[in-house]
C-alpha atoms as a PDB file:
ATOM      1  CA  MET A   1     -53.699 -31.421  83.086  1.00  0.00           C
ATOM      2  CA  THR A   2     -50.779 -32.622  80.898  1.00  0.00           C
ATOM      3  CA  ASP A   3     -50.580 -34.450  77.579  1.00  0.00           C
ATOM      4  CA  ILE A   4     -48.564 -37.628  78.175  1.00  0.00           C
ATOM      5  CA  ILE A   5     -47.178 -40.046  75.585  1.00  0.00           C
ATOM      6  CA  LEU A   6     -47.489 -43.521  77.089  1.00  0.00           C
ATOM      7  CA  LEU A   7     -44.906 -46.008  75.844  1.00  0.00           C
ATOM      8  CA  GLU A   8     -44.962 -49.779  76.043  1.00  0.00           C
ATOM      9  CA  GLY A   9     -42.960 -51.751  78.621  1.00  0.00           C
ATOM     10  CA  GLY A  10     -40.002 -54.025  77.982  1.00  0.00           C
ATOM     11  CA  THR A  11     -40.267 -56.324  74.961  1.00  0.00           C
ATOM     12  CA  GLY A  12     -37.175 -58.540  75.080  1.00  0.00           C
ATOM     13  CA  GLN A  13     -37.546 -59.521  78.734  1.00  0.00           C
ATOM     14  CA  GLU A  14     -41.304 -59.968  78.323  1.00  0.00           C
ATOM     15  CA  LEU A  15     -40.671 -62.413  75.472  1.00  0.00           C
ATOM     16  CA  LEU A  16     -38.113 -64.251  77.568  1.00  0.00           C
ATOM     17  CA  ASN A  17     -40.482 -64.437  80.527  1.00  0.00           C
ATOM     18  CA  ARG A  18     -43.340 -65.816  78.421  1.00  0.00           C
ATOM     19  CA  SER A  19     -41.362 -68.285  76.304  1.00  0.00           C
ATOM     20  CA  ALA A  20     -40.189 -71.751  77.276  1.00  0.00           C
ATOM     21  CA  ASN A  21     -36.921 -70.889  75.528  1.00  0.00           C
ATOM     22  CA  LYS A  22     -34.810 -69.270  78.240  1.00  0.00           C
ATOM     23  CA  ALA A  23     -31.514 -69.372  76.318  1.00  0.00           C
ATOM     24  CA  PRO A  24     -32.190 -67.839  72.888  1.00  0.00           C
ATOM     25  CA  ARG A  25     -29.113 -67.816  70.620  1.00  0.00           C
ATOM     26  CA  HIS A  26     -30.149 -64.566  68.957  1.00  0.00           C
ATOM     27  CA  TRP A  27     -31.419 -63.013  72.205  1.00  0.00           C
ATOM     28  CA  SER A  28     -34.734 -61.195  71.645  1.00  0.00           C
ATOM     29  CA  ALA A  29     -34.449 -61.573  67.862  1.00  0.00           C
ATOM     30  CA  GLU A  30     -34.658 -65.365  68.347  1.00  0.00           C
ATOM     31  CA  TYR A  31     -38.391 -65.085  68.901  1.00  0.00           C
ATOM     32  CA  LEU A  32     -38.890 -63.403  65.530  1.00  0.00           C
ATOM     33  CA  LEU A  33     -37.804 -66.681  63.971  1.00  0.00           C
ATOM     34  CA  THR A  34     -39.189 -69.259  66.372  1.00  0.00           C
ATOM     35  CA  GLU A  35     -42.247 -67.659  68.004  1.00  0.00           C
ATOM     36  CA  PRO A  36     -43.513 -64.832  65.801  1.00  0.00           C
ATOM     37  CA  ASP A  37     -47.009 -65.166  67.247  1.00  0.00           C
ATOM     38  CA  LEU A  38     -45.573 -64.476  70.701  1.00  0.00           C
ATOM     39  CA  VAL A  39     -43.854 -61.311  69.480  1.00  0.00           C
ATOM     40  CA  ARG A  40     -47.112 -60.200  67.902  1.00  0.00           C
ATOM     41  CA  ALA A  41     -49.030 -60.958  71.106  1.00  0.00           C
ATOM     42  CA  VAL A  42     -46.623 -58.933  73.279  1.00  0.00           C
ATOM     43  CA  HIS A  43     -46.986 -55.896  71.013  1.00  0.00           C
ATOM     44  CA  ARG A  44     -50.762 -56.329  70.986  1.00  0.00           C
ATOM     45  CA  ASP A  45     -50.956 -56.664  74.761  1.00  0.00           C
ATOM     46  CA  TYR A  46     -49.106 -53.394  75.205  1.00  0.00           C
ATOM     47  CA  ILE A  47     -51.539 -51.647  72.884  1.00  0.00           C
ATOM     48  CA  ALA A  48     -54.446 -53.116  74.853  1.00  0.00           C
ATOM     49  CA  ALA A  49     -52.806 -51.808  78.042  1.00  0.00           C
ATOM     50  CA  GLY A  50     -52.885 -48.282  76.639  1.00  0.00           C
ATOM     51  CA  ALA A  51     -49.480 -47.787  75.015  1.00  0.00           C
ATOM     52  CA  ARG A  52     -49.494 -45.273  72.170  1.00  0.00           C
ATOM     53  CA  VAL A  53     -46.056 -46.380  70.968  1.00  0.00           C
ATOM     54  CA  ILE A  54     -44.676 -49.844  70.259  1.00  0.00           C
ATOM     55  CA  THR A  55     -41.083 -50.442  69.190  1.00  0.00           C
ATOM     56  CA  VAL A  56     -39.947 -52.988  66.614  1.00  0.00           C
ATOM     57  CA  ASN A  57     -38.309 -56.004  68.249  1.00  0.00           C
ATOM     58  CA  ALA A  58     -34.960 -55.316  66.598  1.00  0.00           C
ATOM     59  CA  TYR A  59     -32.770 -54.551  69.610  1.00  0.00           C
ATOM     60  CA  SER A  60     -30.488 -57.530  69.039  1.00  0.00           C
ATOM     61  CA  ALA A  61     -30.929 -57.714  65.255  1.00  0.00           C
ATOM     62  CA  SER A  62     -27.801 -55.689  64.517  1.00  0.00           C
ATOM     63  CA  TYR A  63     -24.901 -56.630  62.260  1.00  0.00           C
ATOM     64  CA  THR A  64     -22.452 -56.609  65.167  1.00  0.00           C
ATOM     65  CA  ARG A  65     -24.641 -58.815  67.359  1.00  0.00           C
ATOM     66  CA  MET A  66     -25.392 -61.299  64.585  1.00  0.00           C
ATOM     67  CA  ALA A  67     -21.716 -61.427  63.581  1.00  0.00           C
ATOM     68  CA  LEU A  68     -21.011 -63.031  66.964  1.00  0.00           C
ATOM     69  CA  LEU A  69     -23.024 -65.999  65.666  1.00  0.00           C
ATOM     70  CA  GLY A  70     -21.672 -65.828  62.128  1.00  0.00           C
ATOM     71  CA  GLU A  71     -25.116 -64.791  60.891  1.00  0.00           C
ATOM     72  CA  GLU A  72     -24.681 -61.208  59.702  1.00  0.00           C
ATOM     73  CA  ASP A  73     -26.499 -62.078  56.488  1.00  0.00           C
ATOM     74  CA  ARG A  74     -29.723 -62.668  58.460  1.00  0.00           C
ATOM     75  CA  VAL A  75     -30.024 -59.070  59.634  1.00  0.00           C
ATOM     76  CA  PRO A  76     -32.293 -57.888  56.779  1.00  0.00           C
ATOM     77  CA  GLU A  77     -34.583 -60.885  57.374  1.00  0.00           C
ATOM     78  CA  LEU A  78     -34.759 -60.212  61.110  1.00  0.00           C
ATOM     79  CA  GLN A  79     -35.367 -56.513  60.618  1.00  0.00           C
ATOM     80  CA  GLN A  80     -38.182 -57.248  58.186  1.00  0.00           C
ATOM     81  CA  LEU A  81     -39.825 -59.671  60.584  1.00  0.00           C
ATOM     82  CA  ALA A  82     -39.561 -57.096  63.371  1.00  0.00           C
ATOM     83  CA  TRP A  83     -41.464 -54.364  61.537  1.00  0.00           C
ATOM     84  CA  GLN A  84     -43.943 -56.773  59.947  1.00  0.00           C
ATOM     85  CA  LEU A  85     -44.956 -58.180  63.345  1.00  0.00           C
ATOM     86  CA  ALA A  86     -45.291 -54.714  64.860  1.00  0.00           C
ATOM     87  CA  HIS A  87     -47.569 -53.641  62.009  1.00  0.00           C
ATOM     88  CA  ALA A  88     -49.579 -56.849  62.281  1.00  0.00           C
ATOM     89  CA  ALA A  89     -50.069 -56.358  66.013  1.00  0.00           C
ATOM     90  CA  ARG A  90     -51.277 -52.806  65.477  1.00  0.00           C
ATOM     91  CA  ASP A  91     -53.742 -54.072  62.858  1.00  0.00           C
ATOM     92  CA  ASP A  92     -54.872 -56.865  65.210  1.00  0.00           C
ATOM     93  CA  ALA A  93     -55.640 -54.326  67.921  1.00  0.00           C
ATOM     94  CA  GLY A  94     -58.582 -52.854  66.019  1.00  0.00           C
ATOM     95  CA  PRO A  95     -59.760 -49.443  67.263  1.00  0.00           C
ATOM     96  CA  ALA A  96     -57.214 -49.526  70.107  1.00  0.00           C
ATOM     97  CA  GLY A  97     -54.460 -49.540  67.499  1.00  0.00           C
ATOM     98  CA  HIS A  98     -55.609 -46.368  65.775  1.00  0.00           C
ATOM     99  CA  GLY A  99     -52.973 -43.691  66.209  1.00  0.00           C
ATOM    100  CA  VAL A 100     -50.414 -46.027  67.768  1.00  0.00           C
ATOM    101  CA  ALA A 101     -46.949 -45.127  66.484  1.00  0.00           C
ATOM    102  CA  ILE A 102     -44.352 -47.721  65.556  1.00  0.00           C
ATOM    103  CA  ALA A 103     -40.840 -46.788  66.621  1.00  0.00           C
ATOM    104  CA  GLY A 104     -37.655 -47.947  64.993  1.00  0.00           C
ATOM    105  CA  CYS A 105     -34.894 -49.172  67.283  1.00  0.00           C
ATOM    106  CA  LEU A 106     -31.242 -48.170  67.156  1.00  0.00           C
ATOM    107  CA  PRO A 107     -29.570 -49.853  70.158  1.00  0.00           C
ATOM    108  CA  PRO A 108     -25.994 -50.046  71.443  1.00  0.00           C
ATOM    109  CA  LEU A 109     -24.033 -52.115  68.942  1.00  0.00           C
ATOM    110  CA  ASN A 110     -21.210 -53.725  70.895  1.00  0.00           C
ATOM    111  CA  GLY A 111     -22.730 -54.512  74.270  1.00  0.00           C
ATOM    112  CA  THR A 112     -25.432 -52.933  76.410  1.00  0.00           C
ATOM    113  CA  TYR A 113     -24.339 -50.980  79.523  1.00  0.00           C
ATOM    114  CA  ARG A 114     -20.681 -51.058  78.419  1.00  0.00           C
ATOM    115  CA  PRO A 115     -19.311 -47.609  77.559  1.00  0.00           C
ATOM    116  CA  ASP A 116     -15.827 -49.111  77.446  1.00  0.00           C
ATOM    117  CA  ARG A 117     -16.869 -51.252  74.472  1.00  0.00           C
ATOM    118  CA  VAL A 118     -18.322 -48.427  72.386  1.00  0.00           C
ATOM    119  CA  ARG A 119     -16.446 -48.226  69.083  1.00  0.00           C
ATOM    120  CA  GLN A 120     -15.246 -45.212  67.162  1.00  0.00           C
ATOM    121  CA  PHE A 121     -17.891 -42.749  65.996  1.00  0.00           C
ATOM    122  CA  GLU A 122     -17.472 -43.452  62.268  1.00  0.00           C
ATOM    123  CA  ASP A 123     -17.701 -47.219  62.773  1.00  0.00           C
ATOM    124  CA  ASN A 124     -20.919 -46.834  64.726  1.00  0.00           C
ATOM    125  CA  LEU A 125     -22.350 -44.332  62.263  1.00  0.00           C
ATOM    126  CA  ALA A 126     -21.780 -46.703  59.347  1.00  0.00           C
ATOM    127  CA  GLU A 127     -23.674 -49.549  61.004  1.00  0.00           C
ATOM    128  CA  TYR A 128     -26.456 -47.324  62.317  1.00  0.00           C
ATOM    129  CA  ARG A 129     -26.972 -46.036  58.772  1.00  0.00           C
ATOM    130  CA  ARG A 130     -27.421 -49.578  57.502  1.00  0.00           C
ATOM    131  CA  LEU A 131     -29.960 -50.394  60.225  1.00  0.00           C
ATOM    132  CA  ALA A 132     -31.834 -47.114  59.827  1.00  0.00           C
ATOM    133  CA  GLU A 133     -32.138 -47.670  56.084  1.00  0.00           C
ATOM    134  CA  LEU A 134     -33.781 -51.062  56.680  1.00  0.00           C
ATOM    135  CA  GLN A 135     -36.277 -49.671  59.202  1.00  0.00           C
ATOM    136  CA  ALA A 136     -37.075 -46.170  57.975  1.00  0.00           C
ATOM    137  CA  PRO A 137     -39.763 -47.006  55.371  1.00  0.00           C
ATOM    138  CA  HIS A 138     -41.720 -48.974  57.965  1.00  0.00           C
ATOM    139  CA  VAL A 139     -41.547 -46.894  61.172  1.00  0.00           C
ATOM    140  CA  ASP A 140     -43.014 -43.578  62.274  1.00  0.00           C
ATOM    141  CA  PHE A 141     -39.956 -42.373  64.171  1.00  0.00           C
ATOM    142  CA  PHE A 142     -36.721 -43.677  65.697  1.00  0.00           C
ATOM    143  CA  ARG A 143     -35.843 -44.451  69.294  1.00  0.00           C
ATOM    144  CA  CYS A 144     -32.069 -44.400  69.701  1.00  0.00           C
ATOM    145  CA  GLU A 145     -32.028 -46.083  73.075  1.00  0.00           C
ATOM    146  CA  THR A 146     -29.946 -47.463  75.934  1.00  0.00           C
ATOM    147  CA  LEU A 147     -26.949 -45.429  74.784  1.00  0.00           C
ATOM    148  CA  SER A 148     -24.126 -45.150  77.290  1.00  0.00           C
ATOM    149  CA  THR A 149     -21.800 -42.530  75.771  1.00  0.00           C
ATOM    150  CA  ALA A 150     -22.385 -39.164  74.142  1.00  0.00           C
ATOM    151  CA  GLN A 151     -20.697 -40.145  70.889  1.00  0.00           C
ATOM    152  CA  GLU A 152     -22.661 -43.397  70.671  1.00  0.00           C
ATOM    153  CA  GLY A 153     -25.808 -41.296  70.956  1.00  0.00           C
ATOM    154  CA  ARG A 154     -24.600 -38.839  68.336  1.00  0.00           C
ATOM    155  CA  ALA A 155     -23.863 -41.626  65.840  1.00  0.00           C
ATOM    156  CA  ALA A 156     -27.289 -43.216  66.287  1.00  0.00           C
ATOM    157  CA  ALA A 157     -29.121 -39.889  66.177  1.00  0.00           C
ATOM    158  CA  GLN A 158     -27.286 -38.697  63.084  1.00  0.00           C
ATOM    159  CA  ALA A 159     -28.044 -41.906  61.185  1.00  0.00           C
ATOM    160  CA  ALA A 160     -31.699 -41.769  62.202  1.00  0.00           C
ATOM    161  CA  ALA A 161     -32.055 -38.086  61.324  1.00  0.00           C
ATOM    162  CA  GLU A 162     -30.639 -38.691  57.852  1.00  0.00           C
ATOM    163  CA  THR A 163     -33.758 -40.741  57.067  1.00  0.00           C
ATOM    164  CA  GLY A 164     -35.984 -37.711  57.626  1.00  0.00           C
ATOM    165  CA  LYS A 165     -37.888 -39.402  60.446  1.00  0.00           C
ATOM    166  CA  PRO A 166     -38.278 -37.825  63.900  1.00  0.00           C
ATOM    167  CA  VAL A 167     -35.584 -38.906  66.380  1.00  0.00           C
ATOM    168  CA  TRP A 168     -35.665 -39.574  70.113  1.00  0.00           C
ATOM    169  CA  VAL A 169     -32.443 -40.213  72.026  1.00  0.00           C
ATOM    170  CA  SER A 170     -32.479 -42.123  75.296  1.00  0.00           C
ATOM    171  CA  TRP A 171     -29.483 -42.502  77.605  1.00  0.00           C
ATOM    172  CA  THR A 172     -28.789 -45.306  80.058  1.00  0.00           C
ATOM    173  CA  LEU A 173     -27.564 -43.832  83.336  1.00  0.00           C
ATOM    174  CA  ASP A 174     -25.365 -44.752  86.252  1.00  0.00           C
ATOM    175  CA  ASP A 175     -27.562 -46.913  88.505  1.00  0.00           C
ATOM    176  CA  ALA A 176     -25.872 -45.521  91.614  1.00  0.00           C
ATOM    177  CA  GLY A 177     -27.884 -42.336  91.304  1.00  0.00           C
ATOM    178  CA  ALA A 178     -25.243 -39.967  89.983  1.00  0.00           C
ATOM    179  CA  THR A 179     -26.881 -37.972  87.207  1.00  0.00           C
ATOM    180  CA  THR A 180     -24.442 -39.202  84.567  1.00  0.00           C
ATOM    181  CA  LEU A 181     -24.408 -41.624  81.700  1.00  0.00           C
ATOM    182  CA  ARG A 182     -22.711 -44.943  82.368  1.00  0.00           C
ATOM    183  CA  SER A 183     -19.652 -43.367  80.717  1.00  0.00           C
ATOM    184  CA  GLY A 184     -19.484 -40.756  83.489  1.00  0.00           C
ATOM    185  CA  GLU A 185     -20.459 -37.951  81.098  1.00  0.00           C
ATOM    186  CA  THR A 186     -23.127 -35.583  82.345  1.00  0.00           C
ATOM    187  CA  ILE A 187     -26.501 -35.319  80.653  1.00  0.00           C
ATOM    188  CA  THR A 188     -25.589 -31.764  79.721  1.00  0.00           C
ATOM    189  CA  GLN A 189     -22.413 -32.978  78.006  1.00  0.00           C
ATOM    190  CA  ALA A 190     -24.315 -35.736  76.236  1.00  0.00           C
ATOM    191  CA  HIS A 191     -26.965 -33.316  75.039  1.00  0.00           C
ATOM    192  CA  ALA A 192     -24.281 -30.958  73.737  1.00  0.00           C
ATOM    193  CA  ALA A 193     -22.950 -33.806  71.590  1.00  0.00           C
ATOM    194  CA  LEU A 194     -26.294 -33.862  69.760  1.00  0.00           C
ATOM    195  CA  SER A 195     -25.877 -30.244  68.637  1.00  0.00           C
ATOM    196  CA  GLY A 196     -26.961 -29.727  65.042  1.00  0.00           C
ATOM    197  CA  ILE A 197     -29.074 -32.889  64.922  1.00  0.00           C
ATOM    198  CA  PRO A 198     -32.864 -32.371  64.941  1.00  0.00           C
ATOM    199  CA  VAL A 199     -33.637 -34.437  68.029  1.00  0.00           C
ATOM    200  CA  ALA A 200     -37.321 -34.374  69.006  1.00  0.00           C
ATOM    201  CA  ALA A 201     -37.064 -35.775  72.558  1.00  0.00           C
ATOM    202  CA  VAL A 202     -34.476 -36.853  75.139  1.00  0.00           C
ATOM    203  CA  LEU A 203     -35.076 -39.607  77.668  1.00  0.00           C
ATOM    204  CA  ALA A 204     -33.417 -42.014  80.075  1.00  0.00           C
ATOM    205  CA  ASN A 205     -34.062 -45.751  79.949  1.00  0.00           C
ATOM    206  CA  CYS A 206     -32.944 -49.195  81.079  1.00  0.00           C
ATOM    207  CA  THR A 207     -31.787 -47.651  84.317  1.00  0.00           C
ATOM    208  CA  ALA A 208     -32.956 -47.850  87.916  1.00  0.00           C
ATOM    209  CA  PRO A 209     -36.063 -45.677  88.375  1.00  0.00           C
ATOM    210  CA  GLU A 210     -34.343 -43.846  91.238  1.00  0.00           C
ATOM    211  CA  ALA A 211     -31.584 -42.754  88.848  1.00  0.00           C
ATOM    212  CA  ILE A 212     -34.120 -41.434  86.359  1.00  0.00           C
ATOM    213  CA  THR A 213     -35.803 -39.501  89.161  1.00  0.00           C
ATOM    214  CA  ALA A 214     -32.491 -37.859  90.063  1.00  0.00           C
ATOM    215  CA  ALA A 215     -31.748 -37.051  86.426  1.00  0.00           C
ATOM    216  CA  MET A 216     -35.146 -35.675  85.444  1.00  0.00           C
ATOM    217  CA  PRO A 217     -34.378 -31.992  86.242  1.00  0.00           C
ATOM    218  CA  GLU A 218     -31.272 -32.086  84.057  1.00  0.00           C
ATOM    219  CA  LEU A 219     -33.138 -33.881  81.269  1.00  0.00           C
ATOM    220  CA  ALA A 220     -35.934 -31.311  81.451  1.00  0.00           C
ATOM    221  CA  ALA A 221     -33.350 -28.508  81.325  1.00  0.00           C
ATOM    222  CA  THR A 222     -32.615 -29.438  77.705  1.00  0.00           C
ATOM    223  CA  THR A 223     -36.025 -27.805  76.973  1.00  0.00           C
ATOM    224  CA  LEU A 224     -36.924 -30.715  74.696  1.00  0.00           C
ATOM    225  CA  PRO A 225     -39.804 -33.073  75.469  1.00  0.00           C
ATOM    226  CA  THR A 226     -38.388 -35.552  77.953  1.00  0.00           C
ATOM    227  CA  GLY A 227     -39.240 -38.677  79.859  1.00  0.00           C
ATOM    228  CA  GLY A 228     -38.131 -42.044  81.130  1.00  0.00           C
ATOM    229  CA  TYR A 229     -38.689 -45.763  81.002  1.00  0.00           C
ATOM    230  CA  ALA A 230     -36.847 -47.638  83.727  1.00  0.00           C
ATOM    231  CA  ASN A 231     -35.882 -51.267  84.160  1.00  0.00           C
ATOM    232  CA  GLY A 232     -36.671 -53.564  87.053  1.00  0.00           C
ATOM    233  CA  PHE A 233     -33.139 -54.885  87.541  1.00  0.00           C
ATOM    234  CA  MET A 234     -30.788 -54.699  90.451  1.00  0.00           C
ATOM    235  CA  PRO A 235     -27.744 -52.492  89.653  1.00  0.00           C
ATOM    236  CA  ILE A 236     -26.015 -53.583  86.454  1.00  0.00           C
ATOM    237  CA  PRO A 237     -22.450 -54.866  86.952  1.00  0.00           C
ATOM    238  CA  ARG A 238     -19.788 -52.904  85.120  1.00  0.00           C
ATOM    239  CA  THR A 239     -18.512 -56.184  83.655  1.00  0.00           C
ATOM    240  CA  PHE A 240     -21.905 -57.019  82.111  1.00  0.00           C
ATOM    241  CA  LEU A 241     -21.598 -59.214  78.995  1.00  0.00           C
ATOM    242  CA  PRO A 242     -24.194 -59.052  76.206  1.00  0.00           C
ATOM    243  CA  GLY A 243     -26.568 -61.979  75.850  1.00  0.00           C
ATOM    244  CA  LYS A 244     -26.145 -63.246  79.417  1.00  0.00           C
ATOM    245  CA  THR A 245     -28.652 -61.128  81.312  1.00  0.00           C
ATOM    246  CA  LEU A 246     -30.221 -63.900  83.392  1.00  0.00           C
ATOM    247  CA  SER A 247     -26.894 -65.093  84.807  1.00  0.00           C
ATOM    248  CA  GLN A 248     -25.615 -61.598  85.617  1.00  0.00           C
ATOM    249  CA  VAL A 249     -28.550 -59.485  86.759  1.00  0.00           C
ATOM    250  CA  ALA A 250     -31.115 -60.094  89.480  1.00  0.00           C
ATOM    251  CA  VAL A 251     -34.680 -58.830  89.194  1.00  0.00           C
ATOM    252  CA  ARG A 252     -35.994 -56.452  91.847  1.00  0.00           C
ATOM    253  CA  GLN A 253     -38.990 -57.598  93.861  1.00  0.00           C
ATOM    254  CA  ASP A 254     -40.166 -54.125  94.883  1.00  0.00           C
ATOM    255  CA  LEU A 255     -41.367 -52.755  91.529  1.00  0.00           C
ATOM    256  CA  ASP A 256     -44.877 -54.052  91.078  1.00  0.00           C
ATOM    257  CA  PRO A 257     -47.173 -51.926  88.857  1.00  0.00           C
ATOM    258  CA  ALA A 258     -48.203 -49.630  91.727  1.00  0.00           C
ATOM    259  CA  ALA A 259     -44.634 -49.004  92.910  1.00  0.00           C
ATOM    260  CA  TYR A 260     -43.370 -48.427  89.378  1.00  0.00           C
ATOM    261  CA  THR A 261     -46.205 -46.023  88.656  1.00  0.00           C
ATOM    262  CA  ARG A 262     -45.290 -43.906  91.681  1.00  0.00           C
ATOM    263  CA  PHE A 263     -41.876 -43.326  90.127  1.00  0.00           C
ATOM    264  CA  ALA A 264     -43.343 -42.463  86.722  1.00  0.00           C
ATOM    265  CA  MET A 265     -45.826 -40.019  88.202  1.00  0.00           C
ATOM    266  CA  ASN A 266     -42.972 -38.322  90.042  1.00  0.00           C
ATOM    267  CA  TRP A 267     -41.113 -37.917  86.729  1.00  0.00           C
ATOM    268  CA  ILE A 268     -44.177 -36.178  85.325  1.00  0.00           C
ATOM    269  CA  THR A 269     -44.238 -33.833  88.306  1.00  0.00           C
ATOM    270  CA  HIS A 270     -40.674 -32.851  87.394  1.00  0.00           C
ATOM    271  CA  GLY A 271     -41.305 -32.249  83.710  1.00  0.00           C
ATOM    272  CA  ALA A 272     -41.601 -35.587  81.933  1.00  0.00           C
ATOM    273  CA  THR A 273     -44.201 -35.896  79.187  1.00  0.00           C
ATOM    274  CA  ILE A 274     -43.146 -39.348  77.923  1.00  0.00           C
ATOM    275  CA  VAL A 275     -43.291 -42.392  80.222  1.00  0.00           C
ATOM    276  CA  GLY A 276     -43.274 -46.144  79.873  1.00  0.00           C
ATOM    277  CA  GLY A 277     -41.261 -49.131  80.996  1.00  0.00           C
ATOM    278  CA  CYS A 278     -38.149 -51.086  80.052  1.00  0.00           C
ATOM    279  CA  CYS A 279     -36.856 -54.545  81.037  1.00  0.00           C
ATOM    280  CA  GLU A 280     -38.978 -56.399  83.633  1.00  0.00           C
ATOM    281  CA  THR A 281     -41.963 -54.098  83.225  1.00  0.00           C
ATOM    282  CA  GLY A 282     -44.903 -55.631  81.401  1.00  0.00           C
ATOM    283  CA  PRO A 283     -48.421 -54.896  80.203  1.00  0.00           C
ATOM    284  CA  ALA A 284     -49.732 -54.865  83.796  1.00  0.00           C
ATOM    285  CA  HIS A 285     -47.348 -51.999  84.611  1.00  0.00           C
ATOM    286  CA  ILE A 286     -48.469 -50.020  81.577  1.00  0.00           C
ATOM    287  CA  ALA A 287     -52.165 -50.617  82.270  1.00  0.00           C
ATOM    288  CA  PHE A 288     -51.777 -49.473  85.898  1.00  0.00           C
ATOM    289  CA  LEU A 289     -49.845 -46.419  84.751  1.00  0.00           C
ATOM    290  CA  ARG A 290     -52.531 -45.632  82.160  1.00  0.00           C
ATOM    291  CA  ASP A 291     -55.294 -45.830  84.749  1.00  0.00           C
ATOM    292  CA  THR A 292     -53.365 -43.657  87.186  1.00  0.00           C
ATOM    293  CA  LEU A 293     -52.630 -41.039  84.546  1.00  0.00           C
ATOM    294  CA  LEU A 294     -56.275 -40.820  83.559  1.00  0.00           C
ATOM    295  CA  ALA A 295     -57.447 -40.711  87.174  1.00  0.00           C
ATOM    296  CA  ALA A 296     -55.075 -37.806  87.779  1.00  0.00           C
ATOM    297  CA  GLY A 297     -56.621 -35.884  84.890  1.00  0.00           C
ATOM    298  CA  HIS A 298     -53.805 -36.307  82.380  1.00  0.00           C
ATOM    299  CA  CYS A 299     -54.520 -36.914  78.690  1.00  0.00           C
ATOM    300  CA  ILE A 300     -52.785 -39.829  76.981  1.00  0.00           C
ATOM    301  CA  VAL A 301     -51.753 -38.841  73.461  1.00  0.00           C
ATOM    302  CA  GLY A 302     -49.784 -40.167  70.515  1.00  0.00           C
ATOM    303  CA  ILE A 303     -46.677 -38.627  68.980  1.00  0.00           C
END
């Protein structure tokens, strides 16, 4: 029926859930240093579940994030570990890894879910360029993800596009169900900010699945390939502070693999061709989604 790109689920939260270390200093990048085999296993498990894309575990390995710990100089090391472990996991997967794409990761730089903390465009662009340069030789394309303002998205997308790699941009939306970014900007306004940049797909992520459902018609109206990968959190507080997820956000109990898959299949009905999961979705969610897609006659493809 439809060709669908199946993404992995959340990586950072999956690492946190599996590890005995529940208070990592470097957030998800901590596990690159202390439990590299765990990072490799999470990537590999997503491939085994059917994902055709895995993303380097570099979400928190930014210069801004590491500067909070006085460890900016470790960013190149962390970035290298992130792509090396993703490549190793794909190799480990054998035939299942053939055709799996490795995505680079350009995340929010000064706090997830906080549009009020987004810095000036040129400041963001400069740091995104540094991160993109480290990742570009080792990834197949870039996911600029969890971006909460139009200009944050433009800075990430521009830096990624300058490498010559394909670029996806993914917005984080208002959990209340209004079809806006967390900044209050509409998806149409955010998409307009990407004008002139060769963006290959637009998505919504790390947002309540209900909000992605509401936003899917407007995302599809961009005429670009579109999709979503939702989180399993209760609504994110507007005062959210980076690095303190467990103490600030509760996990929903109503998004088991079957329930989550119902949302994703609805997105496909309304135009999505890229689906996966974000925080608090794991390999079981992706495997259930894979099986449901195939049973419905869809074809799971790579990028």
